[in-house]
Amino acid sequence: MAYKQKPIESLSEASWQAWIVDLGKWLGWRVFHPRPAQIAGRWATHYTGDAGYPDLTMVHDRRGFIMVECKSARGRLTAGQLQWHAALKNAGIEVYVWRPADYREVEERLKRIAR
């Protein structure tokens, strides 16, 4: 039986995020993502502050500063994520919600030199 690769549009949120991180690093972006850890049998991401902070903070010396919320095709934004997105946008930060179907836009943005 031949191996059949899943179309990018059907990636899970975790696989999609890994795809973005890998592409970003390959293109010279510095990437920050707080990783959850399993503690006493439960998954948790420890932080101080408001819930909903974007998944990825990405910086490139020539391509800019962006923040990204990664979602699967069916993933929905939480109230906290919507509030962070609005606050960042109002502060002039380039912020995105990227889904697997946006892969061409993602490639274009990560390759584009900031103006």
PDB file of N, CA and C in Angstrom:
ATOM      1  N   MET A   1       0.841  -1.171   0.000  1.00  0.00           N
ATOM      2  CA  MET A   1       0.000   0.000   0.000  1.00  0.00           C
ATOM      3  C   MET A   1       0.893   1.244   0.000  1.00  0.00           C
ATOM      4  N   ALA A   2       0.587   2.192  -0.842  1.00  0.00           N
ATOM      5  CA  ALA A   2       1.385   3.414  -0.943  1.00  0.00           C
ATOM      6  C   ALA A   2       1.016   4.370   0.191  1.00  0.00           C
ATOM      7  N   TYR A   3       2.015   5.065   0.672  1.00  0.00           N
ATOM      8  CA  TYR A   3       1.803   6.073   1.711  1.00  0.00           C
ATOM      9  C   TYR A   3       1.079   7.268   1.109  1.00  0.00           C
ATOM     10  N   LYS A   4       0.051   7.717   1.758  1.00  0.00           N
ATOM     11  CA  LYS A   4      -0.715   8.856   1.274  1.00  0.00           C
ATOM     12  C   LYS A   4      -0.648   9.967   2.320  1.00  0.00           C
ATOM     13  N   GLN A   5      -0.053  11.103   1.955  1.00  0.00           N
ATOM     14  CA  GLN A   5       0.086  12.225   2.869  1.00  0.00           C
ATOM     15  C   GLN A   5      -1.238  12.970   2.994  1.00  0.00           C
ATOM     16  N   LYS A   6      -1.569  13.363   4.238  1.00  0.00           N
ATOM     17  CA  LYS A   6      -2.783  14.143   4.457  1.00  0.00           C
ATOM     18  C   LYS A   6      -2.630  15.516   3.832  1.00  0.00           C
ATOM     19  N   PRO A   7      -3.702  16.047   3.249  1.00  0.00           N
ATOM     20  CA  PRO A   7      -3.616  17.415   2.723  1.00  0.00           C
ATOM     21  C   PRO A   7      -3.379  18.391   3.868  1.00  0.00           C
ATOM     22  N   ILE A   8      -2.636  19.454   3.594  1.00  0.00           N
ATOM     23  CA  ILE A   8      -2.279  20.410   4.635  1.00  0.00           C
ATOM     24  C   ILE A   8      -3.519  20.994   5.307  1.00  0.00           C
ATOM     25  N   GLU A   9      -4.602  21.146   4.570  1.00  0.00           N
ATOM     26  CA  GLU A   9      -5.823  21.730   5.114  1.00  0.00           C
ATOM     27  C   GLU A   9      -6.436  20.898   6.238  1.00  0.00           C
ATOM     28  N   SER A  10      -6.071  19.621   6.332  1.00  0.00           N
ATOM     29  CA  SER A  10      -6.653  18.753   7.361  1.00  0.00           C
ATOM     30  C   SER A  10      -5.732  18.537   8.566  1.00  0.00           C
ATOM     31  N   LEU A  11      -4.658  19.317   8.672  1.00  0.00           N
ATOM     32  CA  LEU A  11      -3.738  19.159   9.796  1.00  0.00           C
ATOM     33  C   LEU A  11      -4.412  19.505  11.119  1.00  0.00           C
ATOM     34  N   SER A  12      -3.980  18.820  12.180  1.00  0.00           N
ATOM     35  CA  SER A  12      -4.429  19.180  13.524  1.00  0.00           C
ATOM     36  C   SER A  12      -3.796  20.519  13.894  1.00  0.00           C
ATOM     37  N   GLU A  13      -4.305  21.153  14.938  1.00  0.00           N
ATOM     38  CA  GLU A  13      -3.739  22.426  15.371  1.00  0.00           C
ATOM     39  C   GLU A  13      -2.265  22.280  15.733  1.00  0.00           C
ATOM     40  N   ALA A  14      -1.919  21.202  16.436  1.00  0.00           N
ATOM     41  CA  ALA A  14      -0.521  20.992  16.833  1.00  0.00           C
ATOM     42  C   ALA A  14       0.387  20.793  15.621  1.00  0.00           C
ATOM     43  N   SER A  15      -0.058  20.009  14.644  1.00  0.00           N
ATOM     44  CA  SER A  15       0.744  19.785  13.437  1.00  0.00           C
ATOM     45  C   SER A  15       0.863  21.060  12.614  1.00  0.00           C
ATOM     46  N   TRP A  16      -0.215  21.819  12.533  1.00  0.00           N
ATOM     47  CA  TRP A  16      -0.213  23.083  11.808  1.00  0.00           C
ATOM     48  C   TRP A  16       0.765  24.068  12.449  1.00  0.00           C
ATOM     49  N   GLN A  17       0.701  24.153  13.762  1.00  0.00           N
ATOM     50  CA  GLN A  17       1.618  25.047  14.472  1.00  0.00           C
ATOM     51  C   GLN A  17       3.067  24.633  14.244  1.00  0.00           C
ATOM     52  N   ALA A  18       3.349  23.340  14.293  1.00  0.00           N
ATOM     53  CA  ALA A  18       4.706  22.845  14.045  1.00  0.00           C
ATOM     54  C   ALA A  18       5.158  23.206  12.626  1.00  0.00           C
ATOM     55  N   TRP A  19       4.240  23.136  11.667  1.00  0.00           N
ATOM     56  CA  TRP A  19       4.553  23.504  10.276  1.00  0.00           C
ATOM     57  C   TRP A  19       4.962  24.971  10.199  1.00  0.00           C
ATOM     58  N   ILE A  20       4.202  25.853  10.869  1.00  0.00           N
ATOM     59  CA  ILE A  20       4.520  27.280  10.877  1.00  0.00           C
ATOM     60  C   ILE A  20       5.874  27.531  11.534  1.00  0.00           C
ATOM     61  N   VAL A  21       6.097  26.899  12.679  1.00  0.00           N
ATOM     62  CA  VAL A  21       7.369  27.070  13.402  1.00  0.00           C
ATOM     63  C   VAL A  21       8.537  26.609  12.535  1.00  0.00           C
ATOM     64  N   ASP A  22       8.413  25.441  11.929  1.00  0.00           N
ATOM     65  CA  ASP A  22       9.494  24.920  11.077  1.00  0.00           C
ATOM     66  C   ASP A  22       9.784  25.859   9.913  1.00  0.00           C
ATOM     67  N   LEU A  23       8.741  26.334   9.233  1.00  0.00           N
ATOM     68  CA  LEU A  23       8.935  27.255   8.121  1.00  0.00           C
ATOM     69  C   LEU A  23       9.573  28.552   8.610  1.00  0.00           C
ATOM     70  N   GLY A  24       9.057  29.081   9.702  1.00  0.00           N
ATOM     71  CA  GLY A  24       9.605  30.317  10.250  1.00  0.00           C
ATOM     72  C   GLY A  24      11.080  30.192  10.596  1.00  0.00           C
ATOM     73  N   LYS A  25      11.447  29.135  11.290  1.00  0.00           N
ATOM     74  CA  LYS A  25      12.853  28.939  11.654  1.00  0.00           C
ATOM     75  C   LYS A  25      13.726  28.787  10.405  1.00  0.00           C
ATOM     76  N   TRP A  26      13.225  28.073   9.413  1.00  0.00           N
ATOM     77  CA  TRP A  26      13.969  27.880   8.167  1.00  0.00           C
ATOM     78  C   TRP A  26      14.219  29.217   7.480  1.00  0.00           C
ATOM     79  N   LEU A  27      13.265  30.163   7.632  1.00  0.00           N
ATOM     80  CA  LEU A  27      13.389  31.482   7.008  1.00  0.00           C
ATOM     81  C   LEU A  27      14.079  32.508   7.922  1.00  0.00           C
ATOM     82  N   GLY A  28      14.579  32.078   9.066  1.00  0.00           N
ATOM     83  CA  GLY A  28      15.347  32.954   9.940  1.00  0.00           C
ATOM     84  C   GLY A  28      14.558  33.682  11.021  1.00  0.00           C
ATOM     85  N   TRP A  29      13.308  33.297  11.244  1.00  0.00           N
ATOM     86  CA  TRP A  29      12.512  33.902  12.315  1.00  0.00           C
ATOM     87  C   TRP A  29      12.922  33.321  13.659  1.00  0.00           C
ATOM     88  N   ARG A  30      12.893  34.136  14.704  1.00  0.00           N
ATOM     89  CA  ARG A  30      13.018  33.657  16.078  1.00  0.00           C
ATOM     90  C   ARG A  30      11.589  33.427  16.565  1.00  0.00           C
ATOM     91  N   VAL A  31      11.358  32.288  17.193  1.00  0.00           N
ATOM     92  CA  VAL A  31       9.999  31.900  17.565  1.00  0.00           C
ATOM     93  C   VAL A  31       9.924  31.590  19.050  1.00  0.00           C
ATOM     94  N   PHE A  32       8.866  32.099  19.696  1.00  0.00           N
ATOM     95  CA  PHE A  32       8.600  31.752  21.089  1.00  0.00           C
ATOM     96  C   PHE A  32       7.214  31.144  21.179  1.00  0.00           C
ATOM     97  N   HIS A  33       7.141  30.013  21.866  1.00  0.00           N
ATOM     98  CA  HIS A  33       5.863  29.359  22.143  1.00  0.00           C
ATOM     99  C   HIS A  33       5.968  28.683  23.501  1.00  0.00           C
ATOM    100  N   PRO A  34       5.128  29.085  24.465  1.00  0.00           N
ATOM    101  CA  PRO A  34       5.139  28.383  25.758  1.00  0.00           C
ATOM    102  C   PRO A  34       4.502  27.012  25.593  1.00  0.00           C
ATOM    103  N   ARG A  35       5.204  25.983  26.047  1.00  0.00           N
ATOM    104  CA  ARG A  35       4.700  24.623  25.868  1.00  0.00           C
ATOM    105  C   ARG A  35       4.001  24.141  27.117  1.00  0.00           C
ATOM    106  N   PRO A  36       2.873  23.482  26.955  1.00  0.00           N
ATOM    107  CA  PRO A  36       2.198  22.910  28.119  1.00  0.00           C
ATOM    108  C   PRO A  36       2.985  21.720  28.664  1.00  0.00           C
ATOM    109  N   ALA A  37       2.778  21.455  29.928  1.00  0.00           N
ATOM    110  CA  ALA A  37       3.426  20.310  30.574  1.00  0.00           C
ATOM    111  C   ALA A  37       2.372  19.536  31.346  1.00  0.00           C
ATOM    112  N   GLN A  38       2.621  18.245  31.477  1.00  0.00           N
ATOM    113  CA  GLN A  38       1.691  17.417  32.230  1.00  0.00           C
ATOM    114  C   GLN A  38       2.145  17.377  33.684  1.00  0.00           C
ATOM    115  N   ILE A  39       1.252  17.819  34.559  1.00  0.00           N
ATOM    116  CA  ILE A  39       1.546  17.871  35.988  1.00  0.00           C
ATOM    117  C   ILE A  39       0.422  17.156  36.716  1.00  0.00           C
ATOM    118  N   ALA A  40       0.780  16.135  37.471  1.00  0.00           N
ATOM    119  CA  ALA A  40      -0.201  15.347  38.221  1.00  0.00           C
ATOM    120  C   ALA A  40      -1.325  14.846  37.306  1.00  0.00           C
ATOM    121  N   GLY A  41      -0.940  14.410  36.099  1.00  0.00           N
ATOM    122  CA  GLY A  41      -1.899  13.832  35.176  1.00  0.00           C
ATOM    123  C   GLY A  41      -2.743  14.824  34.400  1.00  0.00           C
ATOM    124  N   ARG A  42      -2.491  16.122  34.579  1.00  0.00           N
ATOM    125  CA  ARG A  42      -3.262  17.144  33.864  1.00  0.00           C
ATOM    126  C   ARG A  42      -2.326  18.028  33.061  1.00  0.00           C
ATOM    127  N   TRP A  43      -2.800  18.464  31.883  1.00  0.00           N
ATOM    128  CA  TRP A  43      -2.016  19.366  31.046  1.00  0.00           C
ATOM    129  C   TRP A  43      -2.255  20.795  31.491  1.00  0.00           C
ATOM    130  N   ALA A  44      -1.175  21.572  31.590  1.00  0.00           N
ATOM    131  CA  ALA A  44      -1.292  22.968  31.984  1.00  0.00           C
ATOM    132  C   ALA A  44      -0.163  23.780  31.364  1.00  0.00           C
ATOM    133  N   THR A  45      -0.460  25.019  31.040  1.00  0.00           N
ATOM    134  CA  THR A  45       0.546  25.980  30.609  1.00  0.00           C
ATOM    135  C   THR A  45       0.518  27.094  31.642  1.00  0.00           C
ATOM    136  N   HIS A  46       1.597  27.222  32.398  1.00  0.00           N
ATOM    137  CA  HIS A  46       1.625  28.203  33.469  1.00  0.00           C
ATOM    138  C   HIS A  46       2.018  29.576  32.931  1.00  0.00           C
ATOM    139  N   TYR A  47       1.304  30.592  33.367  1.00  0.00           N
ATOM    140  CA  TYR A  47       1.577  31.958  32.954  1.00  0.00           C
ATOM    141  C   TYR A  47       1.004  32.890  34.006  1.00  0.00           C
ATOM    142  N   THR A  48       1.436  34.116  33.962  1.00  0.00           N
ATOM    143  CA  THR A  48       0.851  35.176  34.768  1.00  0.00           C
ATOM    144  C   THR A  48       0.240  36.161  33.789  1.00  0.00           C
ATOM    145  N   GLY A  49      -0.978  36.547  34.007  1.00  0.00           N
ATOM    146  CA  GLY A  49      -1.621  37.512  33.112  1.00  0.00           C
ATOM    147  C   GLY A  49      -2.944  37.007  32.595  1.00  0.00           C
ATOM    148  N   ASP A  50      -3.379  37.624  31.523  1.00  0.00           N
ATOM    149  CA  ASP A  50      -4.695  37.320  30.958  1.00  0.00           C
ATOM    150  C   ASP A  50      -4.653  36.113  30.030  1.00  0.00           C
ATOM    151  N   ALA A  51      -5.677  35.295  30.106  1.00  0.00           N
ATOM    152  CA  ALA A  51      -5.791  34.112  29.256  1.00  0.00           C
ATOM    153  C   ALA A  51      -5.981  34.518  27.807  1.00  0.00           C
ATOM    154  N   GLY A  52      -5.552  33.638  26.901  1.00  0.00           N
ATOM    155  CA  GLY A  52      -5.783  33.846  25.485  1.00  0.00           C
ATOM    156  C   GLY A  52      -4.611  34.411  24.717  1.00  0.00           C
ATOM    157  N   TYR A  53      -3.441  34.551  25.360  1.00  0.00           N
ATOM    158  CA  TYR A  53      -2.261  35.083  24.671  1.00  0.00           C
ATOM    159  C   TYR A  53      -1.965  34.232  23.439  1.00  0.00           C
ATOM    160  N   PRO A  54      -1.584  34.857  22.312  1.00  0.00           N
ATOM    161  CA  PRO A  54      -1.362  34.096  21.071  1.00  0.00           C
ATOM    162  C   PRO A  54      -0.332  32.972  21.211  1.00  0.00           C
ATOM    163  N   ASP A  55      -0.488  31.955  20.378  1.00  0.00           N
ATOM    164  CA  ASP A  55       0.378  30.776  20.414  1.00  0.00           C
ATOM    165  C   ASP A  55       1.834  31.098  20.113  1.00  0.00           C
ATOM    166  N   LEU A  56       2.069  31.942  19.103  1.00  0.00           N
ATOM    167  CA  LEU A  56       3.431  32.184  18.636  1.00  0.00           C
ATOM    168  C   LEU A  56       3.764  33.667  18.647  1.00  0.00           C
ATOM    169  N   THR A  57       4.941  33.973  19.137  1.00  0.00           N
ATOM    170  CA  THR A  57       5.529  35.302  19.007  1.00  0.00           C
ATOM    171  C   THR A  57       6.734  35.103  18.097  1.00  0.00           C
ATOM    172  N   MET A  58       6.769  35.839  16.980  1.00  0.00           N
ATOM    173  CA  MET A  58       7.808  35.624  15.975  1.00  0.00           C
ATOM    174  C   MET A  58       8.485  36.946  15.621  1.00  0.00           C
ATOM    175  N   VAL A  59       9.818  36.932  15.599  1.00  0.00           N
ATOM    176  CA  VAL A  59      10.597  38.130  15.308  1.00  0.00           C
ATOM    177  C   VAL A  59      11.660  37.797  14.271  1.00  0.00           C
ATOM    178  N   HIS A  60      11.801  38.696  13.299  1.00  0.00           N
ATOM    179  CA  HIS A  60      12.852  38.554  12.283  1.00  0.00           C
ATOM    180  C   HIS A  60      13.501  39.913  12.121  1.00  0.00           C
ATOM    181  N   ASP A  61      14.819  39.958  12.083  1.00  0.00           N
ATOM    182  CA  ASP A  61      15.504  41.256  12.024  1.00  0.00           C
ATOM    183  C   ASP A  61      15.187  42.040  10.762  1.00  0.00           C
ATOM    184  N   ARG A  62      14.753  41.390   9.690  1.00  0.00           N
ATOM    185  CA  ARG A  62      14.394  42.104   8.457  1.00  0.00           C
ATOM    186  C   ARG A  62      12.922  41.958   8.095  1.00  0.00           C
ATOM    187  N   ARG A  63      12.252  41.015   8.694  1.00  0.00           N
ATOM    188  CA  ARG A  63      10.874  40.735   8.264  1.00  0.00           C
ATOM    189  C   ARG A  63       9.822  41.130   9.290  1.00  0.00           C
ATOM    190  N   GLY A  64      10.241  41.650  10.434  1.00  0.00           N
ATOM    191  CA  GLY A  64       9.270  42.199  11.360  1.00  0.00           C
ATOM    192  C   GLY A  64       8.991  41.409  12.609  1.00  0.00           C
ATOM    193  N   PHE A  65       7.909  41.807  13.266  1.00  0.00           N
ATOM    194  CA  PHE A  65       7.435  41.238  14.524  1.00  0.00           C
ATOM    195  C   PHE A  65       5.972  40.887  14.326  1.00  0.00           C
ATOM    196  N   ILE A  66       5.623  39.628  14.525  1.00  0.00           N
ATOM    197  CA  ILE A  66       4.233  39.207  14.371  1.00  0.00           C
ATOM    198  C   ILE A  66       3.837  38.288  15.519  1.00  0.00           C
ATOM    199  N   MET A  67       2.552  38.212  15.739  1.00  0.00           N
ATOM    200  CA  MET A  67       1.999  37.283  16.726  1.00  0.00           C
ATOM    201  C   MET A  67       0.927  36.468  16.009  1.00  0.00           C
ATOM    202  N   VAL A  68       0.874  35.185  16.345  1.00  0.00           N
ATOM    203  CA  VAL A  68       0.010  34.263  15.599  1.00  0.00           C
ATOM    204  C   VAL A  68      -0.774  33.365  16.544  1.00  0.00           C
ATOM    205  N   GLU A  69      -2.062  33.274  16.285  1.00  0.00           N
ATOM    206  CA  GLU A  69      -2.907  32.273  16.920  1.00  0.00           C
ATOM    207  C   GLU A  69      -3.114  31.179  15.885  1.00  0.00           C
ATOM    208  N   CYS A  70      -2.743  29.964  16.207  1.00  0.00           N
ATOM    209  CA  CYS A  70      -2.874  28.823  15.293  1.00  0.00           C
ATOM    210  C   CYS A  70      -4.177  28.092  15.602  1.00  0.00           C
ATOM    211  N   LYS A  71      -4.940  27.840  14.573  1.00  0.00           N
ATOM    212  CA  LYS A  71      -6.198  27.116  14.732  1.00  0.00           C
ATOM    213  C   LYS A  71      -6.327  26.062  13.647  1.00  0.00           C
ATOM    214  N   SER A  72      -6.950  24.948  14.000  1.00  0.00           N
ATOM    215  CA  SER A  72      -7.279  23.934  12.999  1.00  0.00           C
ATOM    216  C   SER A  72      -8.410  24.487  12.137  1.00  0.00           C
ATOM    217  N   ALA A  73      -8.786  23.743  11.128  1.00  0.00           N
ATOM    218  CA  ALA A  73      -9.850  24.203  10.228  1.00  0.00           C
ATOM    219  C   ALA A  73     -11.132  24.522  10.987  1.00  0.00           C
ATOM    220  N   ARG A  74     -11.430  23.772  12.018  1.00  0.00           N
ATOM    221  CA  ARG A  74     -12.676  23.963  12.769  1.00  0.00           C
ATOM    222  C   ARG A  74     -12.490  24.658  14.106  1.00  0.00           C
ATOM    223  N   GLY A  75     -11.250  24.982  14.465  1.00  0.00           N
ATOM    224  CA  GLY A  75     -10.977  25.586  15.769  1.00  0.00           C
ATOM    225  C   GLY A  75     -11.622  26.957  15.921  1.00  0.00           C
ATOM    226  N   ARG A  76     -12.088  27.233  17.110  1.00  0.00           N
ATOM    227  CA  ARG A  76     -12.741  28.517  17.384  1.00  0.00           C
ATOM    228  C   ARG A  76     -11.896  29.317  18.382  1.00  0.00           C
ATOM    229  N   LEU A  77     -11.938  30.627  18.212  1.00  0.00           N
ATOM    230  CA  LEU A  77     -11.237  31.511  19.144  1.00  0.00           C
ATOM    231  C   LEU A  77     -12.031  31.638  20.438  1.00  0.00           C
ATOM    232  N   THR A  78     -11.318  31.646  21.561  1.00  0.00           N
ATOM    233  CA  THR A  78     -11.965  31.868  22.851  1.00  0.00           C
ATOM    234  C   THR A  78     -12.171  33.365  23.052  1.00  0.00           C
ATOM    235  N   ALA A  79     -12.949  33.725  24.048  1.00  0.00           N
ATOM    236  CA  ALA A  79     -13.164  35.144  24.353  1.00  0.00           C
ATOM    237  C   ALA A  79     -11.826  35.819  24.666  1.00  0.00           C
ATOM    238  N   GLY A  80     -10.974  35.146  25.440  1.00  0.00           N
ATOM    239  CA  GLY A  80      -9.667  35.707  25.774  1.00  0.00           C
ATOM    240  C   GLY A  80      -8.794  35.915  24.545  1.00  0.00           C
ATOM    241  N   GLN A  81      -8.827  34.981  23.606  1.00  0.00           N
ATOM    242  CA  GLN A  81      -8.049  35.115  22.374  1.00  0.00           C
ATOM    243  C   GLN A  81      -8.551  36.285  21.537  1.00  0.00           C
ATOM    244  N   LEU A  82      -9.861  36.447  21.466  1.00  0.00           N
ATOM    245  CA  LEU A  82     -10.432  37.574  20.736  1.00  0.00           C
ATOM    246  C   LEU A  82     -10.019  38.907  21.369  1.00  0.00           C
ATOM    247  N   GLN A  83     -10.004  38.964  22.695  1.00  0.00           N
ATOM    248  CA  GLN A  83      -9.606  40.188  23.393  1.00  0.00           C
ATOM    249  C   GLN A  83      -8.135  40.508  23.157  1.00  0.00           C
ATOM    250  N   TRP A  84      -7.260  39.494  23.238  1.00  0.00           N
ATOM    251  CA  TRP A  84      -5.838  39.715  22.959  1.00  0.00           C
ATOM    252  C   TRP A  84      -5.645  40.184  21.514  1.00  0.00           C
ATOM    253  N   HIS A  85      -6.314  39.521  20.587  1.00  0.00           N
ATOM    254  CA  HIS A  85      -6.188  39.867  19.172  1.00  0.00           C
ATOM    255  C   HIS A  85      -6.561  41.340  18.952  1.00  0.00           C
ATOM    256  N   ALA A  86      -7.687  41.758  19.502  1.00  0.00           N
ATOM    257  CA  ALA A  86      -8.143  43.144  19.341  1.00  0.00           C
ATOM    258  C   ALA A  86      -7.164  44.120  19.989  1.00  0.00           C
ATOM    259  N   ALA A  87      -6.703  43.818  21.196  1.00  0.00           N
ATOM    260  CA  ALA A  87      -5.782  44.718  21.897  1.00  0.00           C
ATOM    261  C   ALA A  87      -4.464  44.858  21.143  1.00  0.00           C
ATOM    262  N   LEU A  88      -3.926  43.749  20.650  1.00  0.00           N
ATOM    263  CA  LEU A  88      -2.667  43.789  19.899  1.00  0.00           C
ATOM    264  C   LEU A  88      -2.830  44.580  18.604  1.00  0.00           C
ATOM    265  N   LYS A  89      -3.909  44.329  17.909  1.00  0.00           N
ATOM    266  CA  LYS A  89      -4.171  45.044  16.648  1.00  0.00           C
ATOM    267  C   LYS A  89      -4.305  46.544  16.913  1.00  0.00           C
ATOM    268  N   ASN A  90      -5.037  46.910  17.964  1.00  0.00           N
ATOM    269  CA  ASN A  90      -5.206  48.325  18.321  1.00  0.00           C
ATOM    270  C   ASN A  90      -3.890  48.974  18.716  1.00  0.00           C
ATOM    271  N   ALA A  91      -2.953  48.189  19.226  1.00  0.00           N
ATOM    272  CA  ALA A  91      -1.639  48.701  19.620  1.00  0.00           C
ATOM    273  C   ALA A  91      -0.673  48.766  18.439  1.00  0.00           C
ATOM    274  N   GLY A  92      -1.144  48.371  17.263  1.00  0.00           N
ATOM    275  CA  GLY A  92      -0.302  48.436  16.073  1.00  0.00           C
ATOM    276  C   GLY A  92       0.555  47.208  15.836  1.00  0.00           C
ATOM    277  N   ILE A  93       0.271  46.127  16.551  1.00  0.00           N
ATOM    278  CA  ILE A  93       1.019  44.878  16.379  1.00  0.00           C
ATOM    279  C   ILE A  93       0.388  44.075  15.241  1.00  0.00           C
ATOM    280  N   GLU A  94       1.223  43.505  14.403  1.00  0.00           N
ATOM    281  CA  GLU A  94       0.751  42.651  13.312  1.00  0.00           C
ATOM    282  C   GLU A  94       0.371  41.298  13.930  1.00  0.00           C
ATOM    283  N   VAL A  95      -0.907  40.974  13.931  1.00  0.00           N
ATOM    284  CA  VAL A  95      -1.395  39.756  14.582  1.00  0.00           C
ATOM    285  C   VAL A  95      -2.308  38.995  13.619  1.00  0.00           C
ATOM    286  N   TYR A  96      -2.177  37.680  13.649  1.00  0.00           N
ATOM    287  CA  TYR A  96      -2.910  36.820  12.718  1.00  0.00           C
ATOM    288  C   TYR A  96      -3.590  35.666  13.445  1.00  0.00           C
ATOM    289  N   VAL A  97      -4.653  35.169  12.829  1.00  0.00           N
ATOM    290  CA  VAL A  97      -5.231  33.871  13.162  1.00  0.00           C
ATOM    291  C   VAL A  97      -5.046  33.059  11.896  1.00  0.00           C
ATOM    292  N   TRP A  98      -4.180  32.060  11.966  1.00  0.00           N
ATOM    293  CA  TRP A  98      -3.866  31.258  10.785  1.00  0.00           C
ATOM    294  C   TRP A  98      -4.402  29.851  10.925  1.00  0.00           C
ATOM    295  N   ARG A  99      -5.038  29.378   9.853  1.00  0.00           N
ATOM    296  CA  ARG A  99      -5.572  28.024   9.757  1.00  0.00           C
ATOM    297  C   ARG A  99      -4.861  27.313   8.608  1.00  0.00           C
ATOM    298  N   PRO A 100      -4.884  25.982   8.583  1.00  0.00           N
ATOM    299  CA  PRO A 100      -4.180  25.271   7.513  1.00  0.00           C
ATOM    300  C   PRO A 100      -4.542  25.728   6.101  1.00  0.00           C
ATOM    301  N   ALA A 101      -5.766  26.127   5.871  1.00  0.00           N
ATOM    302  CA  ALA A 101      -6.150  26.592   4.524  1.00  0.00           C
ATOM    303  C   ALA A 101      -5.433  27.889   4.145  1.00  0.00           C
ATOM    304  N   ASP A 102      -4.839  28.571   5.121  1.00  0.00           N
ATOM    305  CA  ASP A 102      -4.122  29.831   4.884  1.00  0.00           C
ATOM    306  C   ASP A 102      -2.647  29.623   4.549  1.00  0.00           C
ATOM    307  N   TYR A 103      -2.236  28.381   4.275  1.00  0.00           N
ATOM    308  CA  TYR A 103      -0.812  28.097   4.164  1.00  0.00           C
ATOM    309  C   TYR A 103      -0.087  28.952   3.132  1.00  0.00           C
ATOM    310  N   ARG A 104      -0.754  29.303   2.041  1.00  0.00           N
ATOM    311  CA  ARG A 104      -0.093  30.155   1.032  1.00  0.00           C
ATOM    312  C   ARG A 104       0.142  31.564   1.583  1.00  0.00           C
ATOM    313  N   GLU A 105      -0.847  32.103   2.279  1.00  0.00           N
ATOM    314  CA  GLU A 105      -0.710  33.418   2.928  1.00  0.00           C
ATOM    315  C   GLU A 105       0.413  33.378   3.970  1.00  0.00           C
ATOM    316  N   VAL A 106       0.483  32.293   4.720  1.00  0.00           N
ATOM    317  CA  VAL A 106       1.525  32.138   5.749  1.00  0.00           C
ATOM    318  C   VAL A 106       2.904  32.161   5.091  1.00  0.00           C
ATOM    319  N   GLU A 107       3.073  31.365   4.054  1.00  0.00           N
ATOM    320  CA  GLU A 107       4.356  31.346   3.339  1.00  0.00           C
ATOM    321  C   GLU A 107       4.711  32.737   2.829  1.00  0.00           C
ATOM    322  N   GLU A 108       3.742  33.411   2.226  1.00  0.00           N
ATOM    323  CA  GLU A 108       3.980  34.743   1.672  1.00  0.00           C
ATOM    324  C   GLU A 108       4.389  35.727   2.771  1.00  0.00           C
ATOM    325  N   ARG A 109       3.676  35.697   3.911  1.00  0.00           N
ATOM    326  CA  ARG A 109       3.992  36.641   4.994  1.00  0.00           C
ATOM    327  C   ARG A 109       5.361  36.357   5.609  1.00  0.00           C
ATOM    328  N   LEU A 110       5.670  35.101   5.832  1.00  0.00           N
ATOM    329  CA  LEU A 110       6.949  34.783   6.467  1.00  0.00           C
ATOM    330  C   LEU A 110       8.132  35.050   5.537  1.00  0.00           C
ATOM    331  N   LYS A 111       7.904  35.034   4.238  1.00  0.00           N
ATOM    332  CA  LYS A 111       8.969  35.321   3.278  1.00  0.00           C
ATOM    333  C   LYS A 111       9.126  36.813   3.000  1.00  0.00           C
ATOM    334  N   ARG A 112       8.051  37.575   3.148  1.00  0.00           N
ATOM    335  CA  ARG A 112       8.054  39.005   2.790  1.00  0.00           C
ATOM    336  C   ARG A 112       8.944  39.809   3.738  1.00  0.00           C
ATOM    337  N   ILE A 113       9.721  40.719   3.157  1.00  0.00           N
ATOM    338  CA  ILE A 113      10.563  41.607   3.958  1.00  0.00           C
ATOM    339  C   ILE A 113       9.689  42.741   4.466  1.00  0.00           C
ATOM    340  N   ALA A 114       9.747  42.979   5.769  1.00  0.00           N
ATOM    341  CA  ALA A 114       8.934  44.043   6.384  1.00  0.00           C
ATOM    342  C   ALA A 114       9.295  45.393   5.776  1.00  0.00           C
ATOM    343  N   ARG A 115       8.294  46.205   5.619  1.00  0.00           N
ATOM    344  CA  ARG A 115       8.508  47.546   5.053  1.00  0.00           C
ATOM    345  C   ARG A 115       8.588  48.570   6.151  1.00  0.00           C
TER     346      ARG A 115
END
